[in-house]
Amino acid sequence: MANVHYRIVGHEDGWAYKAGDVFSECYATHDEARSAAERAAAGQRLPGATEDIEYQDEAGDWHEEVSRGTDRPETDVTG
């Protein structure tokens, strides 16, 4: 199972959360950034619809697979 880690960091004279190398929007306070990160983390855990997906990999090859709506990552928020 995949893990998504959200980390609260100082950003642009305020606060943001980071998932991997991606920053969220900027928040005025640490508490606002943490609340937003917790909402994002909770949303990642919600089940969705099972559907057929098609995607292209880095080599340019196309793939088809079934994406199960119940296959959700574990999440956590730190900072």
N, C-alpha and C. Protein backbone atom coordinates (compact mmCIF):
# COMPACT_ATOMS: atom_id res chain seq x y z
N MET A 1 0.84 -1.17 0.00
CA MET A 1 0.00 0.00 0.00
C MET A 1 0.89 1.24 0.00
N ALA A 2 0.49 2.24 -0.73
CA ALA A 2 1.24 3.49 -0.82
C ALA A 2 1.06 4.33 0.43
N ASN A 3 2.04 5.16 0.70
CA ASN A 3 1.97 6.12 1.80
C ASN A 3 2.15 7.51 1.25
N VAL A 4 1.30 8.45 1.69
CA VAL A 4 1.43 9.85 1.31
C VAL A 4 1.69 10.62 2.60
N HIS A 5 2.83 11.32 2.64
CA HIS A 5 3.22 12.08 3.82
C HIS A 5 3.06 13.57 3.55
N TYR A 6 2.32 14.24 4.40
CA TYR A 6 2.14 15.68 4.33
C TYR A 6 2.98 16.30 5.44
N ARG A 7 3.79 17.29 5.09
CA ARG A 7 4.67 17.93 6.07
C ARG A 7 4.41 19.43 6.08
N ILE A 8 4.21 20.01 7.27
CA ILE A 8 3.98 21.44 7.40
C ILE A 8 5.34 22.14 7.38
N VAL A 9 5.47 23.17 6.52
CA VAL A 9 6.75 23.88 6.37
C VAL A 9 6.50 25.38 6.24
N GLY A 10 7.50 26.17 6.64
CA GLY A 10 7.45 27.59 6.37
C GLY A 10 7.60 27.81 4.87
N HIS A 11 6.78 28.76 4.33
CA HIS A 11 6.80 28.96 2.88
C HIS A 11 6.28 30.36 2.55
N GLU A 12 7.04 31.13 1.79
CA GLU A 12 6.63 32.46 1.31
C GLU A 12 6.07 33.34 2.43
N ASP A 13 6.81 33.52 3.50
CA ASP A 13 6.40 34.36 4.63
C ASP A 13 5.14 33.85 5.33
N GLY A 14 4.86 32.57 5.19
CA GLY A 14 3.71 31.95 5.85
C GLY A 14 3.98 30.48 6.04
N TRP A 15 2.95 29.70 5.87
CA TRP A 15 3.04 28.25 6.07
C TRP A 15 2.35 27.52 4.93
N ALA A 16 2.83 26.32 4.63
CA ALA A 16 2.23 25.48 3.60
C ALA A 16 2.42 24.03 4.04
N TYR A 17 1.78 23.14 3.32
CA TYR A 17 2.10 21.73 3.52
C TYR A 17 2.72 21.22 2.23
N LYS A 18 3.56 20.22 2.37
CA LYS A 18 4.27 19.64 1.24
C LYS A 18 3.93 18.16 1.16
N ALA A 19 3.68 17.68 -0.03
CA ALA A 19 3.54 16.25 -0.31
C ALA A 19 4.59 15.95 -1.37
N GLY A 20 5.62 15.22 -0.98
CA GLY A 20 6.75 15.02 -1.88
C GLY A 20 7.45 16.35 -2.09
N ASP A 21 7.61 16.75 -3.35
CA ASP A 21 8.25 18.03 -3.67
C ASP A 21 7.25 19.13 -3.98
N VAL A 22 5.96 18.87 -3.75
CA VAL A 22 4.91 19.80 -4.16
C VAL A 22 4.39 20.57 -2.94
N PHE A 23 4.36 21.91 -3.06
CA PHE A 23 3.84 22.77 -2.01
C PHE A 23 2.35 23.03 -2.23
N SER A 24 1.63 23.18 -1.13
CA SER A 24 0.25 23.64 -1.20
C SER A 24 0.27 25.16 -1.38
N GLU A 25 -0.91 25.75 -1.38
CA GLU A 25 -0.98 27.20 -1.32
C GLU A 25 -0.43 27.66 0.03
N CYS A 26 -0.19 28.93 0.16
CA CYS A 26 0.38 29.49 1.39
C CYS A 26 -0.74 29.87 2.36
N TYR A 27 -0.52 29.60 3.64
CA TYR A 27 -1.48 29.94 4.69
C TYR A 27 -0.81 30.90 5.67
N ALA A 28 -1.61 31.73 6.31
CA ALA A 28 -1.08 32.74 7.23
C ALA A 28 -0.52 32.13 8.51
N THR A 29 -1.13 31.04 8.97
CA THR A 29 -0.70 30.45 10.24
C THR A 29 -0.38 28.96 10.07
N HIS A 30 0.41 28.47 11.00
CA HIS A 30 0.74 27.05 11.05
C HIS A 30 -0.53 26.22 11.22
N ASP A 31 -1.44 26.66 12.09
CA ASP A 31 -2.68 25.92 12.34
C ASP A 31 -3.53 25.81 11.08
N GLU A 32 -3.60 26.89 10.29
CA GLU A 32 -4.38 26.83 9.04
C GLU A 32 -3.76 25.83 8.07
N ALA A 33 -2.43 25.83 7.97
CA ALA A 33 -1.75 24.89 7.06
C ALA A 33 -1.96 23.46 7.54
N ARG A 34 -1.88 23.24 8.84
CA ARG A 34 -2.07 21.89 9.37
C ARG A 34 -3.49 21.41 9.13
N SER A 35 -4.49 22.27 9.35
CA SER A 35 -5.88 21.88 9.10
C SER A 35 -6.09 21.53 7.63
N ALA A 36 -5.50 22.32 6.73
CA ALA A 36 -5.62 22.03 5.29
C ALA A 36 -4.95 20.71 4.95
N ALA A 37 -3.79 20.44 5.54
CA ALA A 37 -3.09 19.18 5.28
C ALA A 37 -3.90 18.00 5.80
N GLU A 38 -4.51 18.15 6.96
CA GLU A 38 -5.33 17.07 7.51
C GLU A 38 -6.55 16.80 6.64
N ARG A 39 -7.15 17.86 6.07
CA ARG A 39 -8.28 17.67 5.14
C ARG A 39 -7.82 16.95 3.88
N ALA A 40 -6.66 17.36 3.35
CA ALA A 40 -6.13 16.71 2.14
C ALA A 40 -5.81 15.24 2.42
N ALA A 41 -5.21 14.96 3.56
CA ALA A 41 -4.87 13.58 3.91
C ALA A 41 -6.12 12.73 4.06
N ALA A 42 -7.15 13.28 4.69
CA ALA A 42 -8.41 12.54 4.86
C ALA A 42 -9.06 12.27 3.51
N GLY A 43 -8.99 13.24 2.60
CA GLY A 43 -9.56 13.06 1.27
C GLY A 43 -8.87 11.96 0.49
N GLN A 44 -7.57 11.80 0.68
CA GLN A 44 -6.83 10.74 -0.01
C GLN A 44 -7.29 9.35 0.41
N ARG A 45 -7.80 9.23 1.62
CA ARG A 45 -8.21 7.92 2.14
C ARG A 45 -9.63 7.53 1.73
N LEU A 46 -10.41 8.46 1.17
CA LEU A 46 -11.79 8.17 0.80
C LEU A 46 -11.84 7.24 -0.41
N PRO A 47 -12.69 6.22 -0.36
CA PRO A 47 -12.81 5.35 -1.52
C PRO A 47 -13.48 6.07 -2.68
N GLY A 48 -13.16 5.64 -3.87
CA GLY A 48 -13.76 6.21 -5.07
C GLY A 48 -14.35 5.11 -5.92
N ALA A 49 -14.59 5.41 -7.17
CA ALA A 49 -15.18 4.44 -8.10
C ALA A 49 -14.08 3.57 -8.71
N THR A 50 -14.39 2.31 -8.93
CA THR A 50 -13.49 1.44 -9.67
C THR A 50 -13.69 1.74 -11.16
N GLU A 51 -12.60 1.95 -11.87
CA GLU A 51 -12.72 2.32 -13.28
C GLU A 51 -11.51 1.85 -14.07
N ASP A 52 -11.70 1.71 -15.37
CA ASP A 52 -10.60 1.40 -16.28
C ASP A 52 -9.83 2.69 -16.53
N ILE A 53 -8.52 2.62 -16.45
CA ILE A 53 -7.70 3.80 -16.74
C ILE A 53 -6.68 3.45 -17.82
N GLU A 54 -6.23 4.47 -18.50
CA GLU A 54 -5.21 4.34 -19.53
C GLU A 54 -4.18 5.43 -19.27
N TYR A 55 -2.90 5.09 -19.31
CA TYR A 55 -1.86 6.07 -19.06
C TYR A 55 -0.62 5.77 -19.89
N GLN A 56 0.18 6.81 -20.07
CA GLN A 56 1.42 6.70 -20.83
C GLN A 56 2.59 6.79 -19.85
N ASP A 57 3.54 5.85 -19.95
CA ASP A 57 4.69 5.88 -19.05
C ASP A 57 5.80 6.77 -19.62
N GLU A 58 6.90 6.87 -18.87
CA GLU A 58 8.00 7.75 -19.26
C GLU A 58 8.61 7.39 -20.62
N ALA A 59 8.53 6.11 -21.00
CA ALA A 59 9.09 5.65 -22.27
C ALA A 59 8.13 5.89 -23.44
N GLY A 60 6.93 6.41 -23.15
CA GLY A 60 5.96 6.66 -24.21
C GLY A 60 5.03 5.50 -24.50
N ASP A 61 5.13 4.41 -23.73
CA ASP A 61 4.26 3.26 -23.93
C ASP A 61 2.95 3.46 -23.19
N TRP A 62 1.86 3.02 -23.83
CA TRP A 62 0.53 3.15 -23.24
C TRP A 62 0.16 1.87 -22.49
N HIS A 63 -0.55 2.03 -21.39
CA HIS A 63 -0.97 0.91 -20.55
C HIS A 63 -2.44 1.08 -20.18
N GLU A 64 -3.12 -0.05 -20.01
CA GLU A 64 -4.50 -0.05 -19.53
C GLU A 64 -4.56 -0.93 -18.29
N GLU A 65 -5.30 -0.48 -17.29
CA GLU A 65 -5.49 -1.29 -16.09
C GLU A 65 -6.76 -0.85 -15.39
N VAL A 66 -7.15 -1.64 -14.41
CA VAL A 66 -8.32 -1.31 -13.60
C VAL A 66 -7.83 -0.65 -12.33
N SER A 67 -8.36 0.52 -12.04
CA SER A 67 -8.04 1.23 -10.81
C SER A 67 -9.18 0.99 -9.82
N ARG A 68 -8.87 0.21 -8.78
CA ARG A 68 -9.90 -0.09 -7.77
C ARG A 68 -10.11 1.12 -6.88
N GLY A 69 -11.33 1.51 -6.70
CA GLY A 69 -11.67 2.67 -5.88
C GLY A 69 -11.37 2.47 -4.41
N THR A 70 -11.18 1.23 -4.01
CA THR A 70 -10.87 0.95 -2.60
C THR A 70 -9.37 0.89 -2.33
N ASP A 71 -8.55 1.02 -3.37
CA ASP A 71 -7.10 0.97 -3.23
C ASP A 71 -6.59 2.37 -2.90
N ARG A 72 -6.64 2.74 -1.64
CA ARG A 72 -6.31 4.08 -1.19
C ARG A 72 -5.02 4.06 -0.37
N PRO A 73 -4.26 5.15 -0.39
CA PRO A 73 -3.00 5.18 0.36
C PRO A 73 -3.23 5.42 1.84
N GLU A 74 -2.22 5.08 2.63
CA GLU A 74 -2.18 5.52 4.02
C GLU A 74 -1.60 6.93 4.00
N THR A 75 -2.06 7.78 4.92
CA THR A 75 -1.58 9.16 4.96
C THR A 75 -1.20 9.55 6.38
N ASP A 76 -0.33 10.55 6.48
CA ASP A 76 -0.02 11.14 7.78
C ASP A 76 0.41 12.58 7.58
N VAL A 77 0.30 13.36 8.67
CA VAL A 77 0.66 14.77 8.67
C VAL A 77 1.67 14.99 9.79
N THR A 78 2.78 15.65 9.47
CA THR A 78 3.79 15.96 10.48
C THR A 78 4.13 17.45 10.41
N GLY A 79 4.63 17.96 11.51
CA GLY A 79 5.08 19.34 11.55
C GLY A 79 4.10 20.28 12.17
